[in-house]
Amino acid sequence: MKISRKVTLALATLTLATTLSASAFTLGPVRQEASVGALTFLPKDNNSLYNNGWGGEAQYRFWLTDDWALALAAGAARMNVAADAKEITEFGGTAGTVDILPLGADLIYNVLDIAPVRLNAQAGVRYIIASSDASSLNVAGKRVDMTVDNGTVWRVGLDADFALTQKLAIFAAGSYQQDFGKQGISTVDGPLRDNTFRGFLLEAGLRARF
């Protein structure tokens, strides 16, 4: 079975992050953080299949130094399909949702640390598992299910947290993500067009420090 470059890249990133994170325990005391946040997805393109999306992400960070950290991340979101998106299919009638599970890792750099505020820059990769409950109309006017391929994106962003106590903080984050390569949207009648997860994400939540 042939493995795509996107899957290979995602698996390599996750393997590297897991290995480095596990090895952090051999470096002595390592500061760790766990966070959970709610997020919204705003597509960059007007011809995207998606109107918007809502969900959340959990992240576990290993601070290897005062400035650098590695993080493992897992999320879930529901993408709302744009109604009657003629850019996707000339016959229109697009409707429904696409559920996604982004899994990946980030490299994080602490830009500013002036108590109680911290500002971090982060860059990483997400492998997105997509499950479609979307449909559109075909040339005969019949409603047909749409299949959305899994994808891989790179992501860059900033997050700021405000310490409530020594162990607990609230945070807000903004990021941009872009697809690696192309993935498709199709029906039983054949391919429709390329899919993209390109867009902006806004997130807010809680972060615990250990």
Protein backbone atom coordinates (compact mmCIF):
# COMPACT_ATOMS: atom_id res chain seq x y z
CA MET A 1 0.00 0.00 0.00
CA LYS A 2 1.45 3.34 -1.03
CA ILE A 3 1.66 5.95 1.73
CA SER A 4 1.19 9.58 0.65
CA ARG A 5 3.83 12.22 1.38
CA LYS A 6 1.31 14.11 3.53
CA VAL A 7 0.71 11.13 5.80
CA THR A 8 4.45 10.42 5.99
CA LEU A 9 5.16 14.03 6.97
CA ALA A 10 2.47 14.03 9.65
CA LEU A 11 3.62 10.72 11.12
CA ALA A 12 7.26 11.84 11.09
CA THR A 13 6.37 15.06 12.90
CA LEU A 14 4.34 13.25 15.54
CA THR A 15 7.08 10.66 16.04
CA LEU A 16 9.77 13.33 16.42
CA ALA A 17 7.68 15.36 18.85
CA THR A 18 6.83 12.30 20.93
CA THR A 19 10.46 11.19 21.06
CA LEU A 20 11.75 14.63 22.04
CA SER A 21 8.98 15.12 24.58
CA ALA A 22 9.71 11.76 26.19
CA SER A 23 13.43 12.49 26.25
CA ALA A 24 12.71 15.72 28.11
CA PHE A 25 12.19 13.69 31.26
CA THR A 26 15.87 12.70 31.15
CA LEU A 27 16.97 16.35 31.26
CA GLY A 28 15.89 16.79 34.86
CA PRO A 29 12.93 18.87 36.03
CA VAL A 30 10.98 20.08 33.00
CA ARG A 31 8.15 22.57 33.30
CA GLN A 32 4.96 21.27 31.72
CA GLU A 33 1.65 22.84 30.76
CA ALA A 34 -1.71 21.44 29.74
CA SER A 35 -4.31 23.59 28.03
CA VAL A 36 -7.78 23.23 26.61
CA GLY A 37 -9.53 25.86 24.54
CA ALA A 38 -12.52 26.59 22.34
CA LEU A 39 -11.75 27.74 18.81
CA THR A 40 -13.40 29.10 15.70
CA PHE A 41 -12.21 28.60 12.12
CA LEU A 42 -12.53 31.40 9.55
CA PRO A 43 -11.77 30.31 5.96
CA LYS A 44 -9.43 32.56 3.98
CA ASP A 45 -11.02 31.89 0.58
CA ASN A 46 -14.45 33.01 -0.54
CA ASN A 47 -14.68 29.85 -2.66
CA SER A 48 -13.98 27.52 0.27
CA LEU A 49 -16.37 24.65 0.91
CA TYR A 50 -16.72 25.92 4.48
CA ASN A 51 -18.59 28.88 5.87
CA ASN A 52 -17.02 28.61 9.33
CA GLY A 53 -16.14 26.05 11.96
CA TRP A 54 -16.30 25.58 15.73
CA GLY A 55 -14.51 23.21 18.04
CA GLY A 56 -11.68 22.87 20.52
CA GLU A 57 -8.11 21.74 20.99
CA ALA A 58 -6.09 20.29 23.86
CA GLN A 59 -2.34 20.77 24.05
CA TYR A 60 0.41 19.43 26.30
CA ARG A 61 3.66 21.41 26.41
CA PHE A 62 7.13 20.40 27.56
CA TRP A 63 9.37 23.41 28.27
CA LEU A 64 12.86 22.13 27.52
CA THR A 65 14.42 25.53 28.36
CA ASP A 66 13.09 28.85 29.63
CA ASP A 67 12.44 29.89 26.02
CA TRP A 68 11.72 26.73 24.00
CA ALA A 69 8.97 24.14 24.27
CA LEU A 70 7.54 21.22 22.34
CA ALA A 71 3.83 20.48 22.33
CA LEU A 72 1.53 17.65 21.32
CA ALA A 73 -1.95 18.67 20.23
CA ALA A 74 -5.29 17.02 19.47
CA GLY A 75 -8.53 18.71 18.55
CA ALA A 76 -12.02 18.27 17.17
CA ALA A 77 -14.19 20.66 15.20
CA ARG A 78 -17.32 20.81 13.09
CA MET A 79 -17.04 22.69 9.81
CA ASN A 80 -20.25 24.19 8.47
CA VAL A 81 -20.57 23.80 4.72
CA ALA A 82 -21.37 26.96 2.78
CA ALA A 83 -24.95 26.85 1.50
CA ASP A 84 -25.33 26.53 -2.28
CA ALA A 85 -21.58 26.98 -2.94
CA LYS A 86 -21.51 27.30 -6.74
CA GLU A 87 -17.68 27.43 -6.64
CA ILE A 88 -17.69 23.82 -5.42
CA THR A 89 -20.23 22.46 -7.91
CA GLU A 90 -22.04 24.32 -10.67
CA PHE A 91 -25.26 22.52 -9.73
CA GLY A 92 -25.23 24.02 -6.22
CA GLY A 93 -27.22 22.64 -3.33
CA THR A 94 -24.23 22.18 -1.02
CA ALA A 95 -25.27 21.64 2.60
CA GLY A 96 -24.28 19.82 5.77
CA THR A 97 -21.18 19.60 7.94
CA VAL A 98 -17.71 18.07 7.96
CA ASP A 99 -16.26 16.86 11.27
CA ILE A 100 -12.48 17.03 11.59
CA LEU A 101 -9.87 15.68 14.03
CA PRO A 102 -6.58 17.63 13.81
CA LEU A 103 -3.60 15.81 15.35
CA GLY A 104 -0.11 17.25 15.47
CA ALA A 105 2.77 18.98 17.19
CA ASP A 106 4.19 22.49 17.69
CA LEU A 107 7.52 24.13 18.39
CA ILE A 108 7.01 27.07 20.76
CA TYR A 109 9.21 30.09 21.55
CA ASN A 110 8.59 32.42 24.48
CA VAL A 111 8.70 35.96 23.11
CA LEU A 112 7.77 37.89 26.26
CA ASP A 113 7.51 37.02 29.95
CA ILE A 114 6.47 39.92 32.16
CA ALA A 115 4.36 38.59 35.02
CA PRO A 116 1.48 37.96 34.87
CA VAL A 117 1.60 38.03 31.04
CA ARG A 118 3.42 35.63 28.70
CA LEU A 119 3.53 35.83 24.90
CA ASN A 120 4.52 32.80 22.81
CA ALA A 121 5.09 32.21 19.10
CA GLN A 122 4.39 28.76 17.73
CA ALA A 123 4.74 26.83 14.49
CA GLY A 124 3.62 23.30 13.80
CA VAL A 125 1.87 20.69 11.69
CA ARG A 126 -1.60 19.12 11.87
CA TYR A 127 -2.82 15.98 10.15
CA ILE A 128 -6.57 16.46 9.67
CA ILE A 129 -8.87 13.45 9.64
CA ALA A 130 -12.13 14.44 7.92
CA SER A 131 -15.56 12.80 8.21
CA SER A 132 -18.11 14.30 5.84
CA ASP A 133 -21.85 14.62 6.38
CA ALA A 134 -22.17 17.05 3.46
CA SER A 135 -24.06 16.74 0.20
CA SER A 136 -24.74 18.56 -3.06
CA LEU A 137 -26.90 18.30 -6.16
CA ASN A 138 -25.75 16.52 -9.31
CA VAL A 139 -26.61 17.19 -12.95
CA ALA A 140 -29.92 15.32 -12.54
CA GLY A 141 -30.90 17.43 -9.54
CA LYS A 142 -30.43 14.45 -7.22
CA ARG A 143 -28.83 14.97 -3.81
CA VAL A 144 -25.57 13.03 -3.46
CA ASP A 145 -23.14 12.65 -0.57
CA MET A 146 -19.82 14.48 -0.72
CA THR A 147 -16.54 12.87 0.35
CA VAL A 148 -13.78 15.09 1.75
CA ASP A 149 -10.19 13.81 1.79
CA ASN A 150 -7.98 13.96 4.86
CA GLY A 151 -5.34 16.69 4.73
CA THR A 152 -2.16 18.08 6.26
CA VAL A 153 -1.58 21.73 7.14
CA TRP A 154 1.21 23.82 8.60
CA ARG A 155 0.21 26.34 11.23
CA VAL A 156 1.84 29.48 12.69
CA GLY A 157 0.49 31.74 15.40
CA LEU A 158 0.79 33.67 18.65
CA ASP A 159 -0.77 33.04 22.03
CA ALA A 160 -0.85 35.17 25.16
CA ASP A 161 -1.73 33.98 28.63
CA PHE A 162 -2.57 35.83 31.82
CA ALA A 163 -1.74 34.10 35.10
CA LEU A 164 -4.59 33.84 37.59
CA THR A 165 -2.46 31.89 40.08
CA GLN A 166 0.96 30.23 39.95
CA LYS A 167 -0.67 27.12 38.49
CA LEU A 168 -3.55 28.44 36.39
CA ALA A 169 -3.84 30.93 33.52
CA ILE A 170 -6.31 32.02 30.88
CA PHE A 171 -5.11 32.37 27.29
CA ALA A 172 -6.09 33.70 23.89
CA ALA A 173 -4.50 32.72 20.59
CA GLY A 174 -4.62 33.48 16.90
CA SER A 175 -3.10 31.42 14.10
CA TYR A 176 -3.06 30.85 10.36
CA GLN A 177 -2.93 27.49 8.62
CA GLN A 178 -2.16 26.47 5.05
CA ASP A 179 -2.48 23.15 3.25
CA PHE A 180 0.45 20.95 2.25
CA GLY A 181 -0.37 19.80 -1.27
CA LYS A 182 -3.91 19.13 -2.45
CA GLN A 183 -6.83 17.03 -1.26
CA GLY A 184 -10.11 16.59 -3.02
CA ILE A 185 -13.88 16.82 -2.70
CA SER A 186 -15.86 14.20 -4.62
CA THR A 187 -19.20 12.42 -5.01
CA VAL A 188 -20.18 9.09 -6.54
CA ASP A 189 -20.34 10.97 -9.86
CA GLY A 190 -16.65 11.89 -9.68
CA PRO A 191 -14.32 14.60 -8.34
CA LEU A 192 -15.65 18.13 -7.82
CA ARG A 193 -12.66 20.30 -6.91
CA ASP A 194 -9.74 20.64 -4.51
CA ASN A 195 -10.52 21.00 -0.82
CA THR A 196 -8.66 23.46 1.39
CA PHE A 197 -8.39 23.91 5.14
CA ARG A 198 -6.63 27.24 4.63
CA GLY A 199 -7.77 29.95 7.02
CA PHE A 200 -7.50 31.68 10.38
CA LEU A 201 -8.19 30.26 13.85
CA LEU A 202 -9.09 32.12 17.03
CA GLU A 203 -8.90 30.30 20.37
CA ALA A 204 -9.41 30.99 24.07
CA GLY A 205 -9.24 28.76 27.11
CA LEU A 206 -7.50 27.65 30.30
CA ARG A 207 -3.89 26.56 30.87
CA ALA A 208 -2.55 24.62 33.86
CA ARG A 209 1.14 24.60 34.83
CA PHE A 210 3.01 21.78 36.55
